[in-house]
PDB file of N, CA and C in Angstrom:
ATOM      1  N   MET A   1     103.960  93.649 116.411  1.00  0.00           N
ATOM      2  CA  MET A   1     102.931  92.812 115.808  1.00  0.00           C
ATOM      3  C   MET A   1     103.550  91.989 114.680  1.00  0.00           C
ATOM      4  N   THR A   2     103.304  90.714 114.696  1.00  0.00           N
ATOM      5  CA  THR A   2     103.811  89.824 113.659  1.00  0.00           C
ATOM      6  C   THR A   2     102.629  89.308 112.841  1.00  0.00           C
ATOM      7  N   ILE A   3     102.741  89.444 111.540  1.00  0.00           N
ATOM      8  CA  ILE A   3     101.694  88.952 110.637  1.00  0.00           C
ATOM      9  C   ILE A   3     102.245  87.760 109.880  1.00  0.00           C
ATOM     10  N   GLU A   4     101.506  86.676 109.914  1.00  0.00           N
ATOM     11  CA  GLU A   4     101.901  85.478 109.175  1.00  0.00           C
ATOM     12  C   GLU A   4     101.571  85.693 107.697  1.00  0.00           C
ATOM     13  N   PHE A   5     102.532  85.367 106.827  1.00  0.00           N
ATOM     14  CA  PHE A   5     102.292  85.548 105.395  1.00  0.00           C
ATOM     15  C   PHE A   5     102.669  84.289 104.640  1.00  0.00           C
ATOM     16  N   HIS A   6     102.111  84.155 103.454  1.00  0.00           N
ATOM     17  CA  HIS A   6     102.281  82.946 102.640  1.00  0.00           C
ATOM     18  C   HIS A   6     103.278  83.118 101.498  1.00  0.00           C
ATOM     19  N   ARG A   7     103.484  84.355 101.110  1.00  0.00           N
ATOM     20  CA  ARG A   7     104.382  84.644  99.986  1.00  0.00           C
ATOM     21  C   ARG A   7     105.004  86.017 100.198  1.00  0.00           C
ATOM     22  N   GLU A   8     106.196  86.203  99.644  1.00  0.00           N
ATOM     23  CA  GLU A   8     106.903  87.470  99.806  1.00  0.00           C
ATOM     24  C   GLU A   8     107.319  88.010  98.441  1.00  0.00           C
ATOM     25  N   LEU A   9     107.222  89.325  98.294  1.00  0.00           N
ATOM     26  CA  LEU A   9     107.594  89.986  97.048  1.00  0.00           C
ATOM     27  C   LEU A   9     108.581  91.107  97.360  1.00  0.00           C
ATOM     28  N   ASP A  10     109.716  91.082  96.701  1.00  0.00           N
ATOM     29  CA  ASP A  10     110.732  92.122  96.868  1.00  0.00           C
ATOM     30  C   ASP A  10     110.587  93.112  95.717  1.00  0.00           C
ATOM     31  N   ALA A  11     110.068  94.304  96.033  1.00  0.00           N
ATOM     32  CA  ALA A  11     109.881  95.349  95.022  1.00  0.00           C
ATOM     33  C   ALA A  11     110.828  96.514  95.282  1.00  0.00           C
ATOM     34  N   ARG A  12     111.900  96.257  96.026  1.00  0.00           N
ATOM     35  CA  ARG A  12     112.868  97.316  96.322  1.00  0.00           C
ATOM     36  C   ARG A  12     113.564  97.757  95.042  1.00  0.00           C
ATOM     37  N   GLY A  13     113.735  99.067  94.899  1.00  0.00           N
ATOM     38  CA  GLY A  13     114.410  99.619  93.728  1.00  0.00           C
ATOM     39  C   GLY A  13     113.498  99.837  92.537  1.00  0.00           C
ATOM     40  N   LEU A  14     112.259  99.400  92.644  1.00  0.00           N
ATOM     41  CA  LEU A  14     111.301  99.576  91.549  1.00  0.00           C
ATOM     42  C   LEU A  14     110.473 100.830  91.787  1.00  0.00           C
ATOM     43  N   ASN A  15     110.198 101.545  90.719  1.00  0.00           N
ATOM     44  CA  ASN A  15     109.383 102.753  90.813  1.00  0.00           C
ATOM     45  C   ASN A  15     107.994 102.498  90.258  1.00  0.00           C
ATOM     46  N   CYS A  16     107.069 103.362  90.622  1.00  0.00           N
ATOM     47  CA  CYS A  16     105.686 103.293  90.175  1.00  0.00           C
ATOM     48  C   CYS A  16     105.641 103.163  88.651  1.00  0.00           C
ATOM     49  N   PRO A  17     104.841 102.285  88.135  1.00  0.00           N
ATOM     50  CA  PRO A  17     103.812 101.453  88.759  1.00  0.00           C
ATOM     51  C   PRO A  17     104.261 100.020  89.033  1.00  0.00           C
ATOM     52  N   LEU A  18     105.541  99.720  88.895  1.00  0.00           N
ATOM     53  CA  LEU A  18     105.998  98.337  88.986  1.00  0.00           C
ATOM     54  C   LEU A  18     105.689  97.623  90.303  1.00  0.00           C
ATOM     55  N   PRO A  19     105.834  98.260  91.474  1.00  0.00           N
ATOM     56  CA  PRO A  19     105.474  97.527  92.705  1.00  0.00           C
ATOM     57  C   PRO A  19     104.011  97.056  92.716  1.00  0.00           C
ATOM     58  N   ILE A  20     103.117  97.902  92.237  1.00  0.00           N
ATOM     59  CA  ILE A  20     101.696  97.523  92.194  1.00  0.00           C
ATOM     60  C   ILE A  20     101.447  96.447  91.151  1.00  0.00           C
ATOM     61  N   LEU A  21     102.064  96.580  89.982  1.00  0.00           N
ATOM     62  CA  LEU A  21     101.862  95.570  88.935  1.00  0.00           C
ATOM     63  C   LEU A  21     102.359  94.208  89.379  1.00  0.00           C
ATOM     64  N   LYS A  22     103.511  94.163  90.027  1.00  0.00           N
ATOM     65  CA  LYS A  22     104.055  92.893  90.517  1.00  0.00           C
ATOM     66  C   LYS A  22     103.195  92.335  91.652  1.00  0.00           C
ATOM     67  N   THR A  23     102.654  93.218  92.478  1.00  0.00           N
ATOM     68  CA  THR A  23     101.751  92.788  93.554  1.00  0.00           C
ATOM     69  C   THR A  23     100.481  92.188  92.974  1.00  0.00           C
ATOM     70  N   LYS A  24      99.929  92.843  91.965  1.00  0.00           N
ATOM     71  CA  LYS A  24      98.702  92.350  91.319  1.00  0.00           C
ATOM     72  C   LYS A  24      98.922  90.953  90.741  1.00  0.00           C
ATOM     73  N   LYS A  25     100.063  90.759  90.084  1.00  0.00           N
ATOM     74  CA  LYS A  25     100.387  89.453  89.500  1.00  0.00           C
ATOM     75  C   LYS A  25     100.573  88.398  90.588  1.00  0.00           C
ATOM     76  N   ALA A  26     101.276  88.753  91.662  1.00  0.00           N
ATOM     77  CA  ALA A  26     101.511  87.800  92.751  1.00  0.00           C
ATOM     78  C   ALA A  26     100.195  87.403  93.418  1.00  0.00           C
ATOM     79  N   LEU A  27      99.327  88.369  93.678  1.00  0.00           N
ATOM     80  CA  LEU A  27      98.043  88.070  94.309  1.00  0.00           C
ATOM     81  C   LEU A  27      97.174  87.182  93.425  1.00  0.00           C
ATOM     82  N   ALA A  28      97.267  87.355  92.119  1.00  0.00           N
ATOM     83  CA  ALA A  28      96.477  86.551  91.184  1.00  0.00           C
ATOM     84  C   ALA A  28      96.859  85.074  91.264  1.00  0.00           C
ATOM     85  N   ASP A  29      98.095  84.797  91.665  1.00  0.00           N
ATOM     86  CA  ASP A  29      98.577  83.417  91.774  1.00  0.00           C
ATOM     87  C   ASP A  29      98.364  82.830  93.166  1.00  0.00           C
ATOM     88  N   MET A  30      97.679  83.566  94.029  1.00  0.00           N
ATOM     89  CA  MET A  30      97.460  83.119  95.399  1.00  0.00           C
ATOM     90  C   MET A  30      95.985  82.783  95.610  1.00  0.00           C
ATOM     91  N   SER A  31      95.715  82.023  96.669  1.00  0.00           N
ATOM     92  CA  SER A  31      94.343  81.646  97.008  1.00  0.00           C
ATOM     93  C   SER A  31      93.699  82.725  97.877  1.00  0.00           C
ATOM     94  N   SER A  32      92.395  82.752  97.855  1.00  0.00           N
ATOM     95  CA  SER A  32      91.645  83.695  98.682  1.00  0.00           C
ATOM     96  C   SER A  32      92.018  83.510 100.153  1.00  0.00           C
ATOM     97  N   GLY A  33      92.282  84.639 100.829  1.00  0.00           N
ATOM     98  CA  GLY A  33      92.629  84.598 102.240  1.00  0.00           C
ATOM     99  C   GLY A  33      94.119  84.539 102.528  1.00  0.00           C
ATOM    100  N   GLN A  34      94.926  84.243 101.501  1.00  0.00           N
ATOM    101  CA  GLN A  34      96.376  84.200 101.710  1.00  0.00           C
ATOM    102  C   GLN A  34      96.938  85.614 101.794  1.00  0.00           C
ATOM    103  N   VAL A  35      98.082  85.746 102.465  1.00  0.00           N
ATOM    104  CA  VAL A  35      98.687  87.050 102.717  1.00  0.00           C
ATOM    105  C   VAL A  35     100.021  87.174 101.978  1.00  0.00           C
ATOM    106  N   LEU A  36     100.211  88.308 101.336  1.00  0.00           N
ATOM    107  CA  LEU A  36     101.438  88.633 100.603  1.00  0.00           C
ATOM    108  C   LEU A  36     102.169  89.748 101.344  1.00  0.00           C
ATOM    109  N   ARG A  37     103.462  89.542 101.575  1.00  0.00           N
ATOM    110  CA  ARG A  37     104.304  90.579 102.190  1.00  0.00           C
ATOM    111  C   ARG A  37     105.110  91.227 101.067  1.00  0.00           C
ATOM    112  N   VAL A  38     105.018  92.554 100.946  1.00  0.00           N
ATOM    113  CA  VAL A  38     105.717  93.296  99.899  1.00  0.00           C
ATOM    114  C   VAL A  38     106.669  94.297 100.554  1.00  0.00           C
ATOM    115  N   THR A  39     107.915  94.315 100.085  1.00  0.00           N
ATOM    116  CA  THR A  39     108.889  95.304 100.536  1.00  0.00           C
ATOM    117  C   THR A  39     109.202  96.212  99.355  1.00  0.00           C
ATOM    118  N   ALA A  40     109.065  97.530  99.563  1.00  0.00           N
ATOM    119  CA  ALA A  40     109.283  98.501  98.485  1.00  0.00           C
ATOM    120  C   ALA A  40     110.079  99.689  99.005  1.00  0.00           C
ATOM    121  N   THR A  41     110.712 100.403  98.087  1.00  0.00           N
ATOM    122  CA  THR A  41     111.476 101.599  98.447  1.00  0.00           C
ATOM    123  C   THR A  41     110.874 102.874  97.856  1.00  0.00           C
ATOM    124  N   ASP A  42     109.949 102.747  96.937  1.00  0.00           N
ATOM    125  CA  ASP A  42     109.323 103.898  96.288  1.00  0.00           C
ATOM    126  C   ASP A  42     108.410 104.616  97.290  1.00  0.00           C
ATOM    127  N   THR A  43     108.687 105.897  97.549  1.00  0.00           N
ATOM    128  CA  THR A  43     107.894 106.653  98.528  1.00  0.00           C
ATOM    129  C   THR A  43     106.426 106.776  98.110  1.00  0.00           C
ATOM    130  N   GLY A  44     106.168 106.733  96.827  1.00  0.00           N
ATOM    131  CA  GLY A  44     104.788 106.806  96.344  1.00  0.00           C
ATOM    132  C   GLY A  44     104.001 105.528  96.562  1.00  0.00           C
ATOM    133  N   SER A  45     104.693 104.473  96.948  1.00  0.00           N
ATOM    134  CA  SER A  45     104.013 103.192  97.110  1.00  0.00           C
ATOM    135  C   SER A  45     102.998 103.215  98.253  1.00  0.00           C
ATOM    136  N   VAL A  46     103.189 104.076  99.237  1.00  0.00           N
ATOM    137  CA  VAL A  46     102.247 104.137 100.364  1.00  0.00           C
ATOM    138  C   VAL A  46     100.847 104.483  99.861  1.00  0.00           C
ATOM    139  N   ARG A  47     100.731 105.551  99.110  1.00  0.00           N
ATOM    140  CA  ARG A  47      99.401 105.914  98.603  1.00  0.00           C
ATOM    141  C   ARG A  47      98.947 104.952  97.502  1.00  0.00           C
ATOM    142  N   ASP A  48      99.900 104.417  96.726  1.00  0.00           N
ATOM    143  CA  ASP A  48      99.547 103.467  95.667  1.00  0.00           C
ATOM    144  C   ASP A  48      98.913 102.205  96.247  1.00  0.00           C
ATOM    145  N   PHE A  49      99.481 101.679  97.328  1.00  0.00           N
ATOM    146  CA  PHE A  49      98.944 100.451  97.919  1.00  0.00           C
ATOM    147  C   PHE A  49      97.585 100.704  98.565  1.00  0.00           C
ATOM    148  N   GLN A  50      97.394 101.880  99.146  1.00  0.00           N
ATOM    149  CA  GLN A  50      96.088 102.218  99.718  1.00  0.00           C
ATOM    150  C   GLN A  50      95.025 102.276  98.623  1.00  0.00           C
ATOM    151  N   ALA A  51      95.353 102.914  97.516  1.00  0.00           N
ATOM    152  CA  ALA A  51      94.425 103.017  96.389  1.00  0.00           C
ATOM    153  C   ALA A  51      94.170 101.645  95.763  1.00  0.00           C
ATOM    154  N   PHE A  52      95.220 100.849  95.628  1.00  0.00           N
ATOM    155  CA  PHE A  52      95.097  99.510  95.049  1.00  0.00           C
ATOM    156  C   PHE A  52      94.147  98.652  95.886  1.00  0.00           C
ATOM    157  N   ALA A  53      94.293  98.709  97.199  1.00  0.00           N
ATOM    158  CA  ALA A  53      93.423  97.929  98.079  1.00  0.00           C
ATOM    159  C   ALA A  53      91.970  98.360  97.922  1.00  0.00           C
ATOM    160  N   LYS A  54      91.749  99.660  97.871  1.00  0.00           N
ATOM    161  CA  LYS A  54      90.387 100.187  97.745  1.00  0.00           C
ATOM    162  C   LYS A  54      89.771  99.787  96.404  1.00  0.00           C
ATOM    163  N   GLN A  55      90.558  99.836  95.331  1.00  0.00           N
ATOM    164  CA  GLN A  55      90.040  99.542  93.989  1.00  0.00           C
ATOM    165  C   GLN A  55      89.802  98.056  93.762  1.00  0.00           C
ATOM    166  N   THR A  56      90.624  97.198  94.366  1.00  0.00           N
ATOM    167  CA  THR A  56      90.550  95.766  94.069  1.00  0.00           C
ATOM    168  C   THR A  56      89.780  94.959  95.102  1.00  0.00           C
ATOM    169  N   GLY A  57      89.589  95.510  96.296  1.00  0.00           N
ATOM    170  CA  GLY A  57      88.904  94.762  97.342  1.00  0.00           C
ATOM    171  C   GLY A  57      89.815  93.860  98.152  1.00  0.00           C
ATOM    172  N   ASN A  58      91.109  93.821  97.800  1.00  0.00           N
ATOM    173  CA  ASN A  58      92.071  93.092  98.624  1.00  0.00           C
ATOM    174  C   ASN A  58      92.337  93.932  99.871  1.00  0.00           C
ATOM    175  N   ASP A  59      92.576  93.266 100.998  1.00  0.00           N
ATOM    176  CA  ASP A  59      92.773  93.990 102.255  1.00  0.00           C
ATOM    177  C   ASP A  59      94.231  94.374 102.454  1.00  0.00           C
ATOM    178  N   LEU A  60      94.459  95.643 102.753  1.00  0.00           N
ATOM    179  CA  LEU A  60      95.778  96.106 103.167  1.00  0.00           C
ATOM    180  C   LEU A  60      95.804  95.961 104.684  1.00  0.00           C
ATOM    181  N   LEU A  61      96.392  94.858 105.152  1.00  0.00           N
ATOM    182  CA  LEU A  61      96.373  94.541 106.573  1.00  0.00           C
ATOM    183  C   LEU A  61      97.283  95.453 107.380  1.00  0.00           C
ATOM    184  N   SER A  62      98.429  95.814 106.780  1.00  0.00           N
ATOM    185  CA  SER A  62      99.410  96.606 107.510  1.00  0.00           C
ATOM    186  C   SER A  62     100.341  97.293 106.522  1.00  0.00           C
ATOM    187  N   GLN A  63     100.817  98.465 106.930  1.00  0.00           N
ATOM    188  CA  GLN A  63     101.880  99.133 106.185  1.00  0.00           C
ATOM    189  C   GLN A  63     102.756  99.841 107.200  1.00  0.00           C
ATOM    190  N   CYS A  64     104.051  99.743 107.017  1.00  0.00           N
ATOM    191  CA  CYS A  64     104.975 100.391 107.941  1.00  0.00           C
ATOM    192  C   CYS A  64     106.294 100.656 107.229  1.00  0.00           C
ATOM    193  N   LYS A  65     107.138 101.388 107.896  1.00  0.00           N
ATOM    194  CA  LYS A  65     108.481 101.672 107.397  1.00  0.00           C
ATOM    195  C   LYS A  65     109.439 100.954 108.339  1.00  0.00           C
ATOM    196  N   ASN A  66     110.318 100.114 107.788  1.00  0.00           N
ATOM    197  CA  ASN A  66     111.234  99.360 108.648  1.00  0.00           C
ATOM    198  C   ASN A  66     112.500 100.165 108.958  1.00  0.00           C
ATOM    199  N   ASP A  67     113.396  99.561 109.708  1.00  0.00           N
ATOM    200  CA  ASP A  67     114.623 100.242 110.126  1.00  0.00           C
ATOM    201  C   ASP A  67     115.527 100.627 108.955  1.00  0.00           C
ATOM    202  N   ASP A  68     115.374  99.938 107.813  1.00  0.00           N
ATOM    203  CA  ASP A  68     116.169 100.239 106.620  1.00  0.00           C
ATOM    204  C   ASP A  68     115.496 101.294 105.741  1.00  0.00           C
ATOM    205  N   GLN A  69     114.448 101.944 106.283  1.00  0.00           N
ATOM    206  CA  GLN A  69     113.693 102.969 105.555  1.00  0.00           C
ATOM    207  C   GLN A  69     112.988 102.395 104.327  1.00  0.00           C
ATOM    208  N   GLU A  70     112.625 101.119 104.394  1.00  0.00           N
ATOM    209  CA  GLU A  70     111.858 100.476 103.337  1.00  0.00           C
ATOM    210  C   GLU A  70     110.402 100.383 103.801  1.00  0.00           C
ATOM    211  N   PHE A  71     109.494 100.374 102.854  1.00  0.00           N
ATOM    212  CA  PHE A  71     108.075 100.258 103.157  1.00  0.00           C
ATOM    213  C   PHE A  71     107.678  98.790 103.073  1.00  0.00           C
ATOM    214  N   VAL A  72     106.975  98.326 104.077  1.00  0.00           N
ATOM    215  CA  VAL A  72     106.543  96.932 104.134  1.00  0.00           C
ATOM    216  C   VAL A  72     105.019  96.911 104.184  1.00  0.00           C
ATOM    217  N   PHE A  73     104.430  96.154 103.265  1.00  0.00           N
ATOM    218  CA  PHE A  73     102.977  96.055 103.147  1.00  0.00           C
ATOM    219  C   PHE A  73     102.559  94.592 103.269  1.00  0.00           C
ATOM    220  N   PHE A  74     101.432  94.370 103.916  1.00  0.00           N
ATOM    221  CA  PHE A  74     100.839  93.047 104.000  1.00  0.00           C
ATOM    222  C   PHE A  74      99.459  93.133 103.351  1.00  0.00           C
ATOM    223  N   MET A  75      99.310  92.419 102.243  1.00  0.00           N
ATOM    224  CA  MET A  75      98.053  92.412 101.491  1.00  0.00           C
ATOM    225  C   MET A  75      97.412  91.034 101.607  1.00  0.00           C
ATOM    226  N   LYS A  76      96.120  91.033 101.914  1.00  0.00           N
ATOM    227  CA  LYS A  76      95.365  89.776 102.007  1.00  0.00           C
ATOM    228  C   LYS A  76      94.499  89.638 100.766  1.00  0.00           C
ATOM    229  N   ARG A  77      94.661  88.511 100.087  1.00  0.00           N
ATOM    230  CA  ARG A  77      93.917  88.246  98.842  1.00  0.00           C
ATOM    231  C   ARG A  77      92.441  88.100  99.157  1.00  0.00           C
ATOM    232  N   LYS A  78      91.611  88.774  98.380  1.00  0.00           N
ATOM    233  CA  LYS A  78      90.151  88.690  98.615  1.00  0.00           C
ATOM    234  C   LYS A  78      89.603  87.352  98.205  1.00  0.00           C
TER     235      LYS A  78
END
């Protein structure tokens, strides 16, 4: 499955809460309906992104682990 995205954020090497804080800032600079692709290495980011989506109303379209063992998230701005 390929998801079209408008902006990309590299949060690799960052630990909680930095991936979420950087995601929040990036989404704030985007228009409603646009999609942000985030790549992270923090294992806690999986539950953090789920909670962030629930709390903010932004849609977590997809989350997966790529071949490099990195977590990839697609967030849609509300």
